[in-house]
């Protein structure tokens, strides 16, 4: 392939650079200026820039091609020209990137390499699955963030009417003991003091039970926080999908070849949505 073909076919502007060269020890963009027979190329900045013809640029590329390199849009075109590609499998960001390069593909190759969405999945290990089942939540819930996840898990693990139950017991105790003291006052005044002592003891025991319950709730809340953090680390590490952070070798090292078989069986090529794979 003759590199000159790039500049004969592609219409670029100073703000649309496809090719770079080494110029005075630095990777420098090459801008196209003009059209048709008057086209020329500018290497470097406006101050001290070198202006050469298309023929001269072509000769340079032929003589020292290692000093020239494509930009991010031209690179895949060069790659697919040198190593013809039947199709390219990529993630969402890569697919969007190729969509931007489509115009360059059409201009230089007359075709665009087909893009096939890459299989995307979250791997749920057994321990993680047990935590999900314990709190009755699903994998997508984890993607909402650690704080929202912790609140959701706490809401599902702690009884909502606990405080109401204690308040009701305290009010009922006071009401019933007041009624008893009134009856005792007409029966025997000396029993009123005994009733007040009994009230103090019962209130103490109720408060003591409440304190123990509050401590248990606090400890349970800390446990929920730890579990929420564990789920976030396992399913949404660094606030990103597993595939962005966790290397596949981790699962192979831990579960052996069986992991590859399970993954192969779970793959649904026709489904382009993010999938969940339980081990």
Protein backbone atom coordinates (compact mmCIF):
# COMPACT_ATOMS: atom_id res chain seq x y z
CA UNK A 1 0.00 0.00 0.00
CA UNK A 2 1.32 3.44 -0.87
CA UNK A 3 0.85 5.88 1.95
CA UNK A 4 0.33 8.70 -0.56
CA UNK A 5 -3.09 7.27 -1.22
CA UNK A 6 -4.22 8.50 2.18
CA UNK A 7 -3.74 12.13 1.26
CA UNK A 8 -5.05 11.80 -2.25
CA UNK A 9 -8.41 10.58 -1.04
CA UNK A 10 -9.02 12.04 2.44
CA UNK A 11 -10.25 15.59 2.86
CA UNK A 12 -8.77 16.83 6.14
CA UNK A 13 -8.54 20.24 7.74
CA UNK A 14 -5.95 21.67 10.19
CA UNK A 15 -8.26 20.54 12.98
CA UNK A 16 -8.58 17.03 11.48
CA UNK A 17 -5.16 15.38 11.58
CA UNK A 18 -4.74 11.77 10.49
CA UNK A 19 -0.98 11.44 10.16
CA UNK A 20 2.01 12.24 12.37
CA UNK A 21 5.73 12.31 11.73
CA UNK A 22 8.89 12.67 13.76
CA UNK A 23 10.01 16.27 13.37
CA UNK A 24 12.98 17.62 15.33
CA UNK A 25 12.69 14.72 17.76
CA UNK A 26 8.97 15.17 18.48
CA UNK A 27 5.82 13.46 17.16
CA UNK A 28 4.33 16.20 15.04
CA UNK A 29 0.98 16.38 13.22
CA UNK A 30 0.80 16.79 9.47
CA UNK A 31 -1.94 19.17 8.30
CA UNK A 32 -3.36 19.23 4.82
CA UNK A 33 -3.84 22.63 3.22
CA UNK A 34 -5.62 23.37 -0.01
CA UNK A 35 -7.40 21.10 -2.44
CA UNK A 36 -6.85 19.40 -5.77
CA UNK A 37 -3.60 20.30 -7.54
CA UNK A 38 -2.84 23.05 -5.03
CA UNK A 39 -2.85 20.71 -2.04
CA UNK A 40 0.18 20.87 0.24
CA UNK A 41 1.07 19.64 3.69
CA UNK A 42 2.24 21.53 6.76
CA UNK A 43 4.51 19.85 9.28
CA UNK A 44 4.82 21.50 12.66
CA UNK A 45 3.39 24.66 14.19
CA UNK A 46 2.83 27.92 12.43
CA UNK A 47 6.18 29.23 13.67
CA UNK A 48 8.87 27.46 11.72
CA UNK A 49 6.47 25.02 10.06
CA UNK A 50 7.66 23.10 7.04
CA UNK A 51 5.45 23.13 3.96
CA UNK A 52 5.91 20.35 1.39
CA UNK A 53 4.09 19.04 -1.63
CA UNK A 54 2.17 15.81 -1.79
CA UNK A 55 4.85 14.26 -3.99
CA UNK A 56 7.58 15.20 -1.51
CA UNK A 57 5.57 13.79 1.40
CA UNK A 58 5.01 10.56 -0.53
CA UNK A 59 8.74 10.23 -1.18
CA UNK A 60 9.50 10.74 2.51
CA UNK A 61 7.01 8.09 3.54
CA UNK A 62 8.51 5.60 1.06
CA UNK A 63 12.07 6.38 2.20
CA UNK A 64 11.48 6.33 5.99
CA UNK A 65 8.04 4.94 6.76
CA UNK A 66 9.07 4.21 10.36
CA UNK A 67 9.05 7.95 11.04
CA UNK A 68 5.34 8.23 10.24
CA UNK A 69 2.41 7.05 12.36
CA UNK A 70 -1.38 7.29 12.11
CA UNK A 71 -3.63 9.03 14.59
CA UNK A 72 -6.28 7.27 16.65
CA UNK A 73 -8.80 7.26 13.77
CA UNK A 74 -6.40 6.22 11.04
CA UNK A 75 -4.66 3.49 13.05
CA UNK A 76 -7.44 0.85 12.80
CA UNK A 77 -7.76 1.55 9.06
CA UNK A 78 -4.06 0.90 8.53
CA UNK A 79 -4.30 -2.18 10.72
CA UNK A 80 -7.24 -3.60 8.76
CA UNK A 81 -5.54 -2.84 5.46
CA UNK A 82 -2.35 -4.66 6.42
CA UNK A 83 -4.15 -7.48 8.25
CA UNK A 84 -7.63 -7.79 6.71
CA UNK A 85 -10.24 -8.27 9.42
CA UNK A 86 -13.47 -10.20 8.93
CA UNK A 87 -15.09 -8.60 12.00
CA UNK A 88 -14.08 -6.80 15.17
CA UNK A 89 -15.42 -7.68 18.60
CA UNK A 90 -15.48 -4.79 21.06
CA UNK A 91 -17.19 -3.30 24.07
CA UNK A 92 -19.54 -0.31 24.10
CA UNK A 93 -16.75 2.29 24.17
CA UNK A 94 -14.82 0.53 21.42
CA UNK A 95 -17.93 0.23 19.27
CA UNK A 96 -18.56 3.96 19.62
CA UNK A 97 -14.92 4.61 18.74
CA UNK A 98 -15.20 2.59 15.52
CA UNK A 99 -18.37 4.48 14.61
CA UNK A 100 -16.31 7.68 14.64
CA UNK A 101 -13.68 6.06 12.40
CA UNK A 102 -16.31 4.91 9.89
CA UNK A 103 -15.86 7.93 7.62
CA UNK A 104 -12.12 7.31 7.38
CA UNK A 105 -12.75 3.63 6.59
CA UNK A 106 -15.13 4.55 3.77
CA UNK A 107 -12.76 7.15 2.32
CA UNK A 108 -9.67 4.93 2.33
CA UNK A 109 -10.89 1.34 2.08
CA UNK A 110 -14.35 1.80 0.64
CA UNK A 111 -15.80 -0.34 3.42
CA UNK A 112 -16.17 -0.43 7.19
CA UNK A 113 -15.07 -3.44 9.23
CA UNK A 114 -18.18 -5.01 10.84
CA UNK A 115 -18.37 -4.51 14.62
CA UNK A 116 -19.75 -7.27 16.83
CA UNK A 117 -20.62 -6.32 20.44
CA UNK A 118 -18.37 -8.11 22.87
CA UNK A 119 -19.92 -10.50 25.37
CA UNK A 120 -20.31 -8.64 28.65
CA UNK A 121 -21.14 -10.28 31.95
CA UNK A 122 -20.77 -10.08 35.71
CA UNK A 123 -19.50 -13.23 37.42
CA UNK A 124 -21.26 -14.07 40.68
CA UNK A 125 -19.27 -16.38 42.93
CA UNK A 126 -21.05 -18.68 45.44
CA UNK A 127 -20.21 -16.58 48.51
CA UNK A 128 -21.45 -13.45 46.77
CA UNK A 129 -24.62 -15.24 45.69
CA UNK A 130 -25.37 -16.20 49.29
CA UNK A 131 -25.13 -12.55 50.36
CA UNK A 132 -27.48 -11.51 47.58
CA UNK A 133 -30.00 -14.14 48.63
CA UNK A 134 -29.64 -13.26 52.31
CA UNK A 135 -30.68 -9.66 51.72
CA UNK A 136 -33.06 -10.35 48.85
CA UNK A 137 -31.30 -8.07 46.35
CA UNK A 138 -30.20 -8.51 42.74
CA UNK A 139 -26.90 -7.80 41.00
CA UNK A 140 -28.15 -4.58 39.33
CA UNK A 141 -28.89 -3.19 42.81
CA UNK A 142 -25.14 -3.20 43.49
CA UNK A 143 -24.54 -0.89 40.53
CA UNK A 144 -26.41 1.92 42.33
CA UNK A 145 -23.39 2.58 44.57
CA UNK A 146 -22.17 1.38 47.96
CA UNK A 147 -24.15 3.88 50.09
CA UNK A 148 -27.45 3.24 48.33
CA UNK A 149 -26.74 -0.48 48.52
CA UNK A 150 -26.03 -0.33 52.27
CA UNK A 151 -29.28 1.53 52.93
CA UNK A 152 -31.24 -0.96 50.86
CA UNK A 153 -29.66 -3.91 52.66
CA UNK A 154 -30.21 -2.34 56.10
CA UNK A 155 -33.85 -1.65 55.30
CA UNK A 156 -34.37 -5.29 54.41
CA UNK A 157 -32.49 -6.71 57.40
CA UNK A 158 -33.85 -4.63 60.33
CA UNK A 159 -37.48 -4.70 61.54
CA UNK A 160 -39.16 -1.38 60.79
CA UNK A 161 -41.53 -1.53 63.75
CA UNK A 162 -38.89 -2.18 66.41
CA UNK A 163 -38.90 1.35 67.85
CA UNK A 164 -42.68 1.47 67.75
CA UNK A 165 -42.87 -1.75 69.72
CA UNK A 166 -40.66 -0.39 72.51
CA UNK A 167 -42.55 2.92 72.60
CA UNK A 168 -45.82 1.03 72.81
CA UNK A 169 -44.52 -1.16 75.64
CA UNK A 170 -43.34 1.89 77.63
CA UNK A 171 -46.64 3.75 77.18
CA UNK A 172 -48.62 0.66 78.08
CA UNK A 173 -46.51 0.07 81.19
CA UNK A 174 -46.99 3.65 82.41
CA UNK A 175 -50.72 3.59 81.72
CA UNK A 176 -51.33 0.27 83.44
CA UNK A 177 -49.18 1.11 86.46
CA UNK A 178 -50.95 4.47 86.89
CA UNK A 179 -54.28 2.67 86.98
CA UNK A 180 -52.93 0.17 89.52
CA UNK A 181 -51.53 2.94 91.76
CA UNK A 182 -54.88 4.73 91.78
CA UNK A 183 -56.64 1.57 92.88
CA UNK A 184 -53.99 0.86 95.51
CA UNK A 185 -54.35 4.39 96.95
CA UNK A 186 -57.93 3.67 97.90
CA UNK A 187 -57.09 0.21 99.16
CA UNK A 188 -53.89 0.70 101.13
CA UNK A 189 -51.67 3.83 100.91
CA UNK A 190 -48.63 1.86 101.99
CA UNK A 191 -48.80 -0.14 98.74
CA UNK A 192 -48.40 2.96 96.62
CA UNK A 193 -44.69 3.18 97.40
CA UNK A 194 -44.29 -0.53 96.63
CA UNK A 195 -46.00 0.05 93.27
CA UNK A 196 -43.63 2.92 92.50
CA UNK A 197 -40.65 0.71 93.33
CA UNK A 198 -42.02 -1.98 91.03
CA UNK A 199 -42.50 0.64 88.32
CA UNK A 200 -38.87 1.71 88.59
CA UNK A 201 -37.65 -1.86 88.36
CA UNK A 202 -39.84 -2.69 85.36
CA UNK A 203 -38.83 0.53 83.58
CA UNK A 204 -35.19 -0.26 84.28
CA UNK A 205 -35.53 -3.74 82.79
CA UNK A 206 -37.34 -2.38 79.76
CA UNK A 207 -34.67 0.30 79.26
CA UNK A 208 -31.96 -2.31 79.71
CA UNK A 209 -33.58 -4.50 77.04
CA UNK A 210 -33.89 -1.48 74.77
CA UNK A 211 -30.19 -0.67 75.20
CA UNK A 212 -29.20 -4.25 74.40
CA UNK A 213 -31.43 -4.23 71.35
CA UNK A 214 -30.00 -0.91 70.17
CA UNK A 215 -26.48 -2.29 70.55
CA UNK A 216 -27.43 -5.39 68.57
CA UNK A 217 -28.93 -3.18 65.86
CA UNK A 218 -25.75 -1.14 65.73
CA UNK A 219 -23.60 -4.24 65.41
CA UNK A 220 -25.93 -5.59 62.79
CA UNK A 221 -25.69 -2.30 60.93
CA UNK A 222 -21.91 -2.59 60.89
CA UNK A 223 -22.28 -6.10 59.54
CA UNK A 224 -24.58 -4.81 56.82
CA UNK A 225 -21.97 -2.18 55.92
CA UNK A 226 -19.27 -4.84 55.65
CA UNK A 227 -21.52 -7.02 53.52
CA UNK A 228 -22.40 -4.08 51.29
CA UNK A 229 -18.72 -3.32 50.85
CA UNK A 230 -17.99 -6.96 50.06
CA UNK A 231 -20.71 -7.00 47.40
CA UNK A 232 -19.41 -3.78 45.87
CA UNK A 233 -15.85 -5.11 45.72
CA UNK A 234 -17.00 -8.36 44.16
CA UNK A 235 -19.57 -7.10 41.65
CA UNK A 236 -18.79 -3.41 41.09
CA UNK A 237 -15.09 -2.89 41.92
CA UNK A 238 -13.91 0.73 41.85
CA UNK A 239 -17.42 1.69 40.70
CA UNK A 240 -16.93 -0.12 37.39
CA UNK A 241 -17.93 -3.43 35.85
CA UNK A 242 -15.79 -6.43 36.73
CA UNK A 243 -14.45 -6.68 33.19
CA UNK A 244 -12.79 -3.29 33.65
CA UNK A 245 -10.94 -4.29 36.80
CA UNK A 246 -10.78 -8.05 37.43
CA UNK A 247 -8.66 -10.14 35.08
CA UNK A 248 -10.09 -13.42 33.84
CA UNK A 249 -7.01 -15.25 35.10
CA UNK A 250 -8.31 -14.73 38.66
CA UNK A 251 -11.33 -16.95 38.03
CA UNK A 252 -9.31 -19.53 36.10
CA UNK A 253 -6.75 -19.75 38.91
CA UNK A 254 -9.51 -20.15 41.50
CA UNK A 255 -11.94 -22.46 39.71
CA UNK A 256 -9.78 -24.11 37.06
CA UNK A 257 -10.95 -25.18 33.63
CA UNK A 258 -14.47 -25.74 34.92
CA UNK A 259 -14.86 -21.97 34.97
CA UNK A 260 -14.23 -21.78 31.22
CA UNK A 261 -16.77 -24.53 30.59
CA UNK A 262 -19.39 -22.79 32.73
CA UNK A 263 -18.75 -19.51 31.00
CA UNK A 264 -18.97 -21.13 27.57
CA UNK A 265 -22.27 -22.79 28.46
CA UNK A 266 -23.68 -19.53 29.86
CA UNK A 267 -22.82 -17.34 26.88
CA UNK A 268 -25.79 -16.26 24.79
CA UNK A 269 -24.30 -14.77 21.60
CA UNK A 270 -27.64 -13.38 20.43
CA UNK A 271 -28.08 -11.34 23.61
CA UNK A 272 -26.17 -8.07 23.53
CA UNK A 273 -27.27 -7.01 27.01
CA UNK A 274 -25.06 -7.30 30.04
CA UNK A 275 -25.47 -10.81 31.46
CA UNK A 276 -25.19 -12.38 34.90
CA UNK A 277 -23.27 -15.65 35.29
CA UNK A 278 -23.62 -17.54 38.58
CA UNK A 279 -20.88 -20.04 39.38
